[in-house]
Amino acid sequence: RELVATITSAGITMYGDSVKARFTIARDNAKNAVAL
């Protein structure tokens, strides 16, 4: 299992090298949801 992307509650993101510039992670704290 490998990292794709993470996002903190403050919106700080991190991406795996193989998906940078192609994938985008987003978080909706009000809905307790995350999307890729």
Full PDB file with SEQRES, HELIX, SHEET, SSBOND, CRYST1, ORIGX, SCALE, CONECT and MASTER records, all heavy atoms in Angstrom:
SEQRES   1 A   36  ARG GLU LEU VAL ALA THR ILE THR SER ALA GLY ILE THR          
SEQRES   2 A   36  MET TYR GLY ASP SER VAL LYS ALA ARG PHE THR ILE ALA          
SEQRES   3 A   36  ARG ASP ASN ALA LYS ASN ALA VAL ALA LEU                      
SHEET    1 AA1 2 ALA A   5  ILE A   7  0                                        
SHEET    2 AA1 2 THR A  13  TYR A  15 -1                                        
SHEET    1 AA2 2 ALA A  26  ASP A  28  0                                        
SHEET    2 AA2 2 ALA A  33  ALA A  35 -1                                        
CRYST1    1.000    1.000    1.000  90.00  90.00  90.00 P 1           1          
ORIGX1      1.000000  0.000000  0.000000        0.00000                         
ORIGX2      0.000000  1.000000  0.000000        0.00000                         
ORIGX3      0.000000  0.000000  1.000000        0.00000                         
SCALE1      1.000000  0.000000  0.000000        0.00000                         
SCALE2      0.000000  1.000000  0.000000        0.00000                         
SCALE3      0.000000  0.000000  1.000000        0.00000                         
ATOM      1  N   ARG A   1       0.850  -1.193   0.000  1.00  0.00           N  
ATOM      2  CA  ARG A   1       0.000   0.000   0.000  1.00  0.00           C  
ATOM      3  C   ARG A   1       0.881   1.237   0.000  1.00  0.00           C  
ATOM      4  O   ARG A   1       1.879   1.303   0.730  1.00  0.00           O  
ATOM      5  CB  ARG A   1      -0.918  -0.011   1.226  1.00  0.00           C  
ATOM      6  CG  ARG A   1      -2.023   1.006   1.194  1.00  0.00           C  
ATOM      7  CD  ARG A   1      -3.012   0.780   2.325  1.00  0.00           C  
ATOM      8  NE  ARG A   1      -3.718  -0.491   2.197  1.00  0.00           N  
ATOM      9  CZ  ARG A   1      -4.755  -0.834   2.948  1.00  0.00           C  
ATOM     10  NH1 ARG A   1      -5.211   0.013   3.878  1.00  0.00           N  
ATOM     11  NH2 ARG A   1      -5.338  -2.000   2.784  1.00  0.00           N  
ATOM     12  N   GLU A   2       0.506   2.222  -0.815  1.00  0.00           N  
ATOM     13  CA  GLU A   2       1.324   3.431  -0.935  1.00  0.00           C  
ATOM     14  C   GLU A   2       0.479   4.682  -0.790  1.00  0.00           C  
ATOM     15  O   GLU A   2      -0.720   4.693  -1.065  1.00  0.00           O  
ATOM     16  CB  GLU A   2       2.056   3.466  -2.280  1.00  0.00           C  
ATOM     17  CG  GLU A   2       1.142   3.569  -3.491  1.00  0.00           C  
ATOM     18  CD  GLU A   2       1.919   3.755  -4.789  1.00  0.00           C  
ATOM     19  OE1 GLU A   2       3.163   3.846  -4.763  1.00  0.00           O  
ATOM     20  OE2 GLU A   2       1.267   3.808  -5.851  1.00  0.00           O  
ATOM     21  N   LEU A   3       1.149   5.736  -0.393  1.00  0.00           N  
ATOM     22  CA  LEU A   3       0.502   7.039  -0.248  1.00  0.00           C  
ATOM     23  C   LEU A   3       0.110   7.600  -1.606  1.00  0.00           C  
ATOM     24  O   LEU A   3       0.899   7.581  -2.553  1.00  0.00           O  
ATOM     25  CB  LEU A   3       1.465   8.018   0.438  1.00  0.00           C  
ATOM     26  CG  LEU A   3       1.099   9.491   0.374  1.00  0.00           C  
ATOM     27  CD1 LEU A   3      -0.079   9.788   1.290  1.00  0.00           C  
ATOM     28  CD2 LEU A   3       2.297  10.366   0.737  1.00  0.00           C  
ATOM     29  N   VAL A   4      -1.094   8.116  -1.686  1.00  0.00           N  
ATOM     30  CA  VAL A   4      -1.522   8.870  -2.864  1.00  0.00           C  
ATOM     31  C   VAL A   4      -1.533  10.354  -2.515  1.00  0.00           C  
ATOM     32  O   VAL A   4      -0.850  11.148  -3.155  1.00  0.00           O  
ATOM     33  CB  VAL A   4      -2.916   8.417  -3.350  1.00  0.00           C  
ATOM     34  CG1 VAL A   4      -3.365   9.277  -4.527  1.00  0.00           C  
ATOM     35  CG2 VAL A   4      -2.915   6.947  -3.727  1.00  0.00           C  
ATOM     36  N   ALA A   5      -2.313  10.721  -1.512  1.00  0.00           N  
ATOM     37  CA  ALA A   5      -2.397  12.122  -1.111  1.00  0.00           C  
ATOM     38  C   ALA A   5      -3.008  12.218   0.274  1.00  0.00           C  
ATOM     39  O   ALA A   5      -3.834  11.381   0.655  1.00  0.00           O  
ATOM     40  CB  ALA A   5      -3.246  12.923  -2.100  1.00  0.00           C  
ATOM     41  N   THR A   6      -2.587  13.231   1.024  1.00  0.00           N  
ATOM     42  CA  THR A   6      -3.183  13.513   2.331  1.00  0.00           C  
ATOM     43  C   THR A   6      -3.477  14.990   2.452  1.00  0.00           C  
ATOM     44  O   THR A   6      -2.883  15.821   1.738  1.00  0.00           O  
ATOM     45  CB  THR A   6      -2.258  13.099   3.486  1.00  0.00           C  
ATOM     46  OG1 THR A   6      -1.044  13.838   3.403  1.00  0.00           O  
ATOM     47  CG2 THR A   6      -1.955  11.610   3.458  1.00  0.00           C  
ATOM     48  N   ILE A   7      -4.377  15.322   3.367  1.00  0.00           N  
ATOM     49  CA  ILE A   7      -4.726  16.713   3.612  1.00  0.00           C  
ATOM     50  C   ILE A   7      -5.066  16.873   5.087  1.00  0.00           C  
ATOM     51  O   ILE A   7      -5.798  16.058   5.663  1.00  0.00           O  
ATOM     52  CB  ILE A   7      -5.896  17.164   2.704  1.00  0.00           C  
ATOM     53  CG1 ILE A   7      -6.191  18.647   2.896  1.00  0.00           C  
ATOM     54  CG2 ILE A   7      -7.143  16.319   2.930  1.00  0.00           C  
ATOM     55  CD1 ILE A   7      -7.114  19.227   1.829  1.00  0.00           C  
ATOM     56  N   THR A   8      -4.507  17.902   5.713  1.00  0.00           N  
ATOM     57  CA  THR A   8      -4.790  18.149   7.116  1.00  0.00           C  
ATOM     58  C   THR A   8      -6.085  18.943   7.262  1.00  0.00           C  
ATOM     59  O   THR A   8      -6.648  19.435   6.272  1.00  0.00           O  
ATOM     60  CB  THR A   8      -3.654  18.948   7.760  1.00  0.00           C  
ATOM     61  OG1 THR A   8      -3.664  20.283   7.232  1.00  0.00           O  
ATOM     62  CG2 THR A   8      -2.297  18.308   7.486  1.00  0.00           C  
ATOM     63  N   SER A   9      -6.546  19.101   8.498  1.00  0.00           N  
ATOM     64  CA  SER A   9      -7.748  19.893   8.740  1.00  0.00           C  
ATOM     65  C   SER A   9      -7.538  21.355   8.372  1.00  0.00           C  
ATOM     66  O   SER A   9      -8.500  22.078   8.113  1.00  0.00           O  
ATOM     67  CB  SER A   9      -8.178  19.768  10.196  1.00  0.00           C  
ATOM     68  OG  SER A   9      -7.121  20.136  11.054  1.00  0.00           O  
ATOM     69  N   ALA A  10      -6.279  21.786   8.300  1.00  0.00           N  
ATOM     70  CA  ALA A  10      -5.950  23.163   7.902  1.00  0.00           C  
ATOM     71  C   ALA A  10      -5.780  23.293   6.397  1.00  0.00           C  
ATOM     72  O   ALA A  10      -5.517  24.393   5.900  1.00  0.00           O  
ATOM     73  CB  ALA A  10      -4.685  23.628   8.612  1.00  0.00           C  
ATOM     74  N   GLY A  11      -5.883  22.184   5.672  1.00  0.00           N  
ATOM     75  CA  GLY A  11      -5.795  22.236   4.218  1.00  0.00           C  
ATOM     76  C   GLY A  11      -4.405  22.038   3.639  1.00  0.00           C  
ATOM     77  O   GLY A  11      -4.195  22.245   2.448  1.00  0.00           O  
ATOM     78  N   ILE A  12      -3.467  21.617   4.462  1.00  0.00           N  
ATOM     79  CA  ILE A  12      -2.113  21.367   3.962  1.00  0.00           C  
ATOM     80  C   ILE A  12      -2.094  19.997   3.290  1.00  0.00           C  
ATOM     81  O   ILE A  12      -2.521  19.000   3.876  1.00  0.00           O  
ATOM     82  CB  ILE A  12      -1.099  21.413   5.105  1.00  0.00           C  
ATOM     83  CG1 ILE A  12      -1.103  22.813   5.725  1.00  0.00           C  
ATOM     84  CG2 ILE A  12       0.295  21.063   4.608  1.00  0.00           C  
ATOM     85  CD1 ILE A  12      -0.311  22.925   7.000  1.00  0.00           C  
ATOM     86  N   THR A  13      -1.593  19.958   2.072  1.00  0.00           N  
ATOM     87  CA  THR A  13      -1.645  18.726   1.276  1.00  0.00           C  
ATOM     88  C   THR A  13      -0.254  18.135   1.047  1.00  0.00           C  
ATOM     89  O   THR A  13       0.761  18.835   1.116  1.00  0.00           O  
ATOM     90  CB  THR A  13      -2.288  18.993  -0.090  1.00  0.00           C  
ATOM     91  OG1 THR A  13      -1.524  19.993  -0.788  1.00  0.00           O  
ATOM     92  CG2 THR A  13      -3.718  19.488   0.062  1.00  0.00           C  
ATOM     93  N   MET A  14      -0.267  16.847   0.778  1.00  0.00           N  
ATOM     94  CA  MET A  14       0.958  16.135   0.416  1.00  0.00           C  
ATOM     95  C   MET A  14       0.575  15.067  -0.606  1.00  0.00           C  
ATOM     96  O   MET A  14      -0.474  14.432  -0.467  1.00  0.00           O  
ATOM     97  CB  MET A  14       1.600  15.486   1.635  1.00  0.00           C  
ATOM     98  CG  MET A  14       2.919  14.784   1.340  1.00  0.00           C  
ATOM     99  SD  MET A  14       3.790  14.302   2.841  1.00  0.00           S  
ATOM    100  CE  MET A  14       2.662  13.106   3.512  1.00  0.00           C  
ATOM    101  N   TYR A  15       1.424  14.885  -1.617  1.00  0.00           N  
ATOM    102  CA  TYR A  15       1.133  13.934  -2.688  1.00  0.00           C  
ATOM    103  C   TYR A  15       2.288  12.954  -2.882  1.00  0.00           C  
ATOM    104  O   TYR A  15       3.453  13.304  -2.693  1.00  0.00           O  
ATOM    105  CB  TYR A  15       0.904  14.675  -4.008  1.00  0.00           C  
ATOM    106  CG  TYR A  15      -0.335  15.534  -4.021  1.00  0.00           C  
ATOM    107  CD1 TYR A  15      -0.286  16.869  -3.637  1.00  0.00           C  
ATOM    108  CD2 TYR A  15      -1.566  15.006  -4.395  1.00  0.00           C  
ATOM    109  CE1 TYR A  15      -1.428  17.654  -3.637  1.00  0.00           C  
ATOM    110  CE2 TYR A  15      -2.710  15.785  -4.410  1.00  0.00           C  
ATOM    111  CZ  TYR A  15      -2.635  17.109  -4.031  1.00  0.00           C  
ATOM    112  OH  TYR A  15      -3.762  17.883  -4.023  1.00  0.00           O  
ATOM    113  N   GLY A  16       1.933  11.737  -3.317  1.00  0.00           N  
ATOM    114  CA  GLY A  16       2.949  10.799  -3.727  1.00  0.00           C  
ATOM    115  C   GLY A  16       3.584  11.283  -5.026  1.00  0.00           C  
ATOM    116  O   GLY A  16       2.928  11.939  -5.844  1.00  0.00           O  
ATOM    117  N   ASP A  17       4.845  10.946  -5.236  1.00  0.00           N  
ATOM    118  CA  ASP A  17       5.568  11.453  -6.401  1.00  0.00           C  
ATOM    119  C   ASP A  17       4.906  11.052  -7.712  1.00  0.00           C  
ATOM    120  O   ASP A  17       4.915  11.815  -8.681  1.00  0.00           O  
ATOM    121  CB  ASP A  17       7.011  10.937  -6.375  1.00  0.00           C  
ATOM    122  CG  ASP A  17       7.839  11.594  -5.294  1.00  0.00           C  
ATOM    123  OD1 ASP A  17       7.451  12.678  -4.807  1.00  0.00           O  
ATOM    124  OD2 ASP A  17       8.884  11.023  -4.914  1.00  0.00           O  
ATOM    125  N   SER A  18       4.324   9.874  -7.756  1.00  0.00           N  
ATOM    126  CA  SER A  18       3.779   9.373  -9.017  1.00  0.00           C  
ATOM    127  C   SER A  18       2.465  10.039  -9.422  1.00  0.00           C  
ATOM    128  O   SER A  18       2.035   9.872 -10.567  1.00  0.00           O  
ATOM    129  CB  SER A  18       3.569   7.861  -8.920  1.00  0.00           C  
ATOM    130  OG  SER A  18       2.624   7.554  -7.916  1.00  0.00           O  
ATOM    131  N   VAL A  19       1.850  10.789  -8.517  1.00  0.00           N  
ATOM    132  CA  VAL A  19       0.554  11.396  -8.846  1.00  0.00           C  
ATOM    133  C   VAL A  19       0.589  12.921  -8.840  1.00  0.00           C  
ATOM    134  O   VAL A  19      -0.408  13.564  -9.174  1.00  0.00           O  
ATOM    135  CB  VAL A  19      -0.557  10.916  -7.891  1.00  0.00           C  
ATOM    136  CG1 VAL A  19      -0.621   9.394  -7.867  1.00  0.00           C  
ATOM    137  CG2 VAL A  19      -0.379  11.477  -6.489  1.00  0.00           C  
ATOM    138  N   LYS A  20       1.722  13.499  -8.456  1.00  0.00           N  
ATOM    139  CA  LYS A  20       1.822  14.964  -8.422  1.00  0.00           C  
ATOM    140  C   LYS A  20       1.469  15.559  -9.780  1.00  0.00           C  
ATOM    141  O   LYS A  20       1.861  15.035 -10.809  1.00  0.00           O  
ATOM    142  CB  LYS A  20       3.237  15.374  -8.009  1.00  0.00           C  
ATOM    143  CG  LYS A  20       3.527  15.192  -6.535  1.00  0.00           C  
ATOM    144  CD  LYS A  20       4.959  15.599  -6.207  1.00  0.00           C  
ATOM    145  CE  LYS A  20       5.250  15.402  -4.727  1.00  0.00           C  
ATOM    146  NZ  LYS A  20       6.657  15.724  -4.391  1.00  0.00           N  
ATOM    147  N   ALA A  21       0.749  16.649  -9.757  1.00  0.00           N  
ATOM    148  CA  ALA A  21       0.333  17.402 -10.949  1.00  0.00           C  
ATOM    149  C   ALA A  21      -0.795  16.717 -11.718  1.00  0.00           C  
ATOM    150  O   ALA A  21      -1.309  17.285 -12.684  1.00  0.00           O  
ATOM    151  CB  ALA A  21       1.495  17.667 -11.896  1.00  0.00           C  
ATOM    152  N   ARG A  22      -1.192  15.514 -11.295  1.00  0.00           N  
ATOM    153  CA  ARG A  22      -2.311  14.836 -11.955  1.00  0.00           C  
ATOM    154  C   ARG A  22      -3.515  14.673 -11.028  1.00  0.00           C  
ATOM    155  O   ARG A  22      -4.659  14.709 -11.480  1.00  0.00           O  
ATOM    156  CB  ARG A  22      -1.879  13.451 -12.455  1.00  0.00           C  
ATOM    157  CG  ARG A  22      -0.782  13.478 -13.491  1.00  0.00           C  
ATOM    158  CD  ARG A  22      -0.559  12.100 -14.081  1.00  0.00           C  
ATOM    159  NE  ARG A  22      -0.137  11.120 -13.078  1.00  0.00           N  
ATOM    160  CZ  ARG A  22      -0.772   9.975 -12.830  1.00  0.00           C  
ATOM    161  NH1 ARG A  22      -1.867   9.656 -13.496  1.00  0.00           N  
ATOM    162  NH2 ARG A  22      -0.305   9.140 -11.905  1.00  0.00           N  
ATOM    163  N   PHE A  23      -3.246  14.478  -9.735  1.00  0.00           N  
ATOM    164  CA  PHE A  23      -4.315  14.252  -8.764  1.00  0.00           C  
ATOM    165  C   PHE A  23      -4.430  15.475  -7.850  1.00  0.00           C  
ATOM    166  O   PHE A  23      -3.432  16.140  -7.554  1.00  0.00           O  
ATOM    167  CB  PHE A  23      -4.018  13.032  -7.903  1.00  0.00           C  
ATOM    168  CG  PHE A  23      -4.082  11.710  -8.618  1.00  0.00           C  
ATOM    169  CD1 PHE A  23      -4.192  11.620 -10.006  1.00  0.00           C  
ATOM    170  CD2 PHE A  23      -4.024  10.532  -7.891  1.00  0.00           C  
ATOM    171  CE1 PHE A  23      -4.239  10.400 -10.645  1.00  0.00           C  
ATOM    172  CE2 PHE A  23      -4.085   9.299  -8.515  1.00  0.00           C  
ATOM    173  CZ  PHE A  23      -4.179   9.241  -9.898  1.00  0.00           C  
ATOM    174  N   THR A  24      -5.650  15.723  -7.387  1.00  0.00           N  
ATOM    175  CA  THR A  24      -5.892  16.814  -6.458  1.00  0.00           C  
ATOM    176  C   THR A  24      -6.787  16.320  -5.326  1.00  0.00           C  
ATOM    177  O   THR A  24      -7.862  15.753  -5.585  1.00  0.00           O  
ATOM    178  CB  THR A  24      -6.562  18.005  -7.152  1.00  0.00           C  
ATOM    179  OG1 THR A  24      -5.740  18.453  -8.235  1.00  0.00           O  
ATOM    180  CG2 THR A  24      -6.755  19.158  -6.167  1.00  0.00           C  
ATOM    181  N   ILE A  25      -6.354  16.547  -4.097  1.00  0.00           N  
ATOM    182  CA  ILE A  25      -7.150  16.170  -2.934  1.00  0.00           C  
ATOM    183  C   ILE A  25      -7.814  17.415  -2.365  1.00  0.00           C  
ATOM    184  O   ILE A  25      -7.230  18.499  -2.365  1.00  0.00           O  
ATOM    185  CB  ILE A  25      -6.285  15.466  -1.868  1.00  0.00           C  
ATOM    186  CG1 ILE A  25      -7.170  14.856  -0.772  1.00  0.00           C  
ATOM    187  CG2 ILE A  25      -5.222  16.396  -1.292  1.00  0.00           C  
ATOM    188  CD1 ILE A  25      -6.406  13.929   0.175  1.00  0.00           C  
ATOM    189  N   ALA A  26      -9.053  17.237  -1.920  1.00  0.00           N  
ATOM    190  CA  ALA A  26      -9.790  18.357  -1.328  1.00  0.00           C  
ATOM    191  C   ALA A  26     -10.600  17.841  -0.154  1.00  0.00           C  
ATOM    192  O   ALA A  26     -10.998  16.671  -0.128  1.00  0.00           O  
ATOM    193  CB  ALA A  26     -10.705  18.994  -2.372  1.00  0.00           C  
ATOM    194  N   ARG A  27     -10.843  18.720   0.785  1.00  0.00           N  
ATOM    195  CA  ARG A  27     -11.532  18.308   2.016  1.00  0.00           C  
ATOM    196  C   ARG A  27     -12.630  19.310   2.335  1.00  0.00           C  
ATOM    197  O   ARG A  27     -12.452  20.516   2.192  1.00  0.00           O  
ATOM    198  CB  ARG A  27     -10.528  18.239   3.154  1.00  0.00           C  
ATOM    199  CG  ARG A  27     -11.082  17.805   4.497  1.00  0.00           C  
ATOM    200  CD  ARG A  27      -9.930  17.541   5.441  1.00  0.00           C  
ATOM    201  NE  ARG A  27     -10.381  17.199   6.775  1.00  0.00           N  
ATOM    202  CZ  ARG A  27      -9.580  16.757   7.743  1.00  0.00           C  
ATOM    203  NH1 ARG A  27      -8.295  16.603   7.511  1.00  0.00           N  
ATOM    204  NH2 ARG A  27     -10.068  16.468   8.934  1.00  0.00           N  
ATOM    205  N   ASP A  28     -13.752  18.783   2.756  1.00  0.00           N  
ATOM    206  CA  ASP A  28     -14.863  19.604   3.215  1.00  0.00           C  
ATOM    207  C   ASP A  28     -15.073  19.285   4.691  1.00  0.00           C  
ATOM    208  O   ASP A  28     -15.703  18.282   5.033  1.00  0.00           O  
ATOM    209  CB  ASP A  28     -16.118  19.292   2.398  1.00  0.00           C  
ATOM    210  CG  ASP A  28     -17.274  20.216   2.723  1.00  0.00           C  
ATOM    211  OD1 ASP A  28     -17.329  20.739   3.859  1.00  0.00           O  
ATOM    212  OD2 ASP A  28     -18.127  20.418   1.861  1.00  0.00           O  
ATOM    213  N   ASN A  29     -14.533  20.114   5.553  1.00  0.00           N  
ATOM    214  CA  ASN A  29     -14.610  19.839   6.986  1.00  0.00           C  
ATOM    215  C   ASN A  29     -16.058  19.881   7.503  1.00  0.00           C  
ATOM    216  O   ASN A  29     -16.423  19.132   8.406  1.00  0.00           O  
ATOM    217  CB  ASN A  29     -13.750  20.830   7.770  1.00  0.00           C  
ATOM    218  CG  ASN A  29     -12.272  20.600   7.564  1.00  0.00           C  
ATOM    219  OD1 ASN A  29     -11.814  19.459   7.435  1.00  0.00           O  
ATOM    220  ND2 ASN A  29     -11.501  21.674   7.517  1.00  0.00           N  
ATOM    221  N   ALA A  30     -16.869  20.717   6.899  1.00  0.00           N  
ATOM    222  CA  ALA A  30     -18.267  20.827   7.339  1.00  0.00           C  
ATOM    223  C   ALA A  30     -19.044  19.543   7.046  1.00  0.00           C  
ATOM    224  O   ALA A  30     -19.948  19.166   7.797  1.00  0.00           O  
ATOM    225  CB  ALA A  30     -18.939  22.011   6.667  1.00  0.00           C  
ATOM    226  N   LYS A  31     -18.680  18.873   5.944  1.00  0.00           N  
ATOM    227  CA  LYS A  31     -19.361  17.638   5.555  1.00  0.00           C  
ATOM    228  C   LYS A  31     -18.575  16.395   5.975  1.00  0.00           C  
ATOM    229  O   LYS A  31     -19.008  15.280   5.700  1.00  0.00           O  
ATOM    230  CB  LYS A  31     -19.587  17.611   4.043  1.00  0.00           C  
ATOM    231  CG  LYS A  31     -20.541  18.696   3.556  1.00  0.00           C  
ATOM    232  CD  LYS A  31     -20.789  18.573   2.055  1.00  0.00           C  
ATOM    233  CE  LYS A  31     -21.776  19.623   1.575  1.00  0.00           C  
ATOM    234  NZ  LYS A  31     -22.019  19.529   0.115  1.00  0.00           N  
ATOM    235  N   ASN A  32     -17.426  16.611   6.612  1.00  0.00           N  
ATOM    236  CA  ASN A  32     -16.593  15.484   7.037  1.00  0.00           C  
ATOM    237  C   ASN A  32     -16.286  14.565   5.871  1.00  0.00           C  
ATOM    238  O   ASN A  32     -16.452  13.336   5.943  1.00  0.00           O  
ATOM    239  CB  ASN A  32     -17.289  14.696   8.150  1.00  0.00           C  
ATOM    240  CG  ASN A  32     -17.692  15.580   9.297  1.00  0.00           C  
ATOM    241  OD1 ASN A  32     -16.881  16.291   9.858  1.00  0.00           O  
ATOM    242  ND2 ASN A  32     -18.974  15.565   9.641  1.00  0.00           N  
ATOM    243  N   ALA A  33     -15.861  15.169   4.782  1.00  0.00           N  
ATOM    244  CA  ALA A  33     -15.628  14.410   3.559  1.00  0.00           C  
ATOM    245  C   ALA A  33     -14.309  14.820   2.920  1.00  0.00           C  
ATOM    246  O   ALA A  33     -13.820  15.936   3.125  1.00  0.00           O  
ATOM    247  CB  ALA A  33     -16.775  14.630   2.575  1.00  0.00           C  
ATOM    248  N   VAL A  34     -13.768  13.907   2.149  1.00  0.00           N  
ATOM    249  CA  VAL A  34     -12.558  14.181   1.388  1.00  0.00           C  
ATOM    250  C   VAL A  34     -12.756  13.591  -0.003  1.00  0.00           C  
ATOM    251  O   VAL A  34     -13.417  12.562  -0.166  1.00  0.00           O  
ATOM    252  CB  VAL A  34     -11.313  13.580   2.079  1.00  0.00           C  
ATOM    253  CG1 VAL A  34     -11.376  12.065   2.128  1.00  0.00           C  
ATOM    254  CG2 VAL A  34     -10.038  14.059   1.414  1.00  0.00           C  
ATOM    255  N   ALA A  35     -12.213  14.280  -0.993  1.00  0.00           N  
ATOM    256  CA  ALA A  35     -12.357  13.832  -2.372  1.00  0.00           C  
ATOM    257  C   ALA A  35     -11.000  13.805  -3.042  1.00  0.00           C  
ATOM    258  O   ALA A  35     -10.079  14.535  -2.645  1.00  0.00           O  
ATOM    259  CB  ALA A  35     -13.304  14.745  -3.138  1.00  0.00           C  
ATOM    260  N   LEU A  36     -10.892  12.973  -4.061  1.00  0.00           N  
ATOM    261  CA  LEU A  36      -9.664  12.873  -4.841  1.00  0.00           C  
ATOM    262  C   LEU A  36     -10.027  12.976  -6.319  1.00  0.00           C  
ATOM    263  O   LEU A  36     -10.706  12.089  -6.860  1.00  0.00           O  
ATOM    264  CB  LEU A  36      -8.951  11.550  -4.566  1.00  0.00           C  
ATOM    265  CG  LEU A  36      -7.610  11.372  -5.268  1.00  0.00           C  
ATOM    266  CD1 LEU A  36      -6.565  12.313  -4.628  1.00  0.00           C  
ATOM    267  CD2 LEU A  36      -7.130   9.929  -5.165  1.00  0.00           C  
TER     268      LEU A  36                                                      
MASTER        0    0    0    0    4    0    0    6  267    1    0    3          
END                                                                             
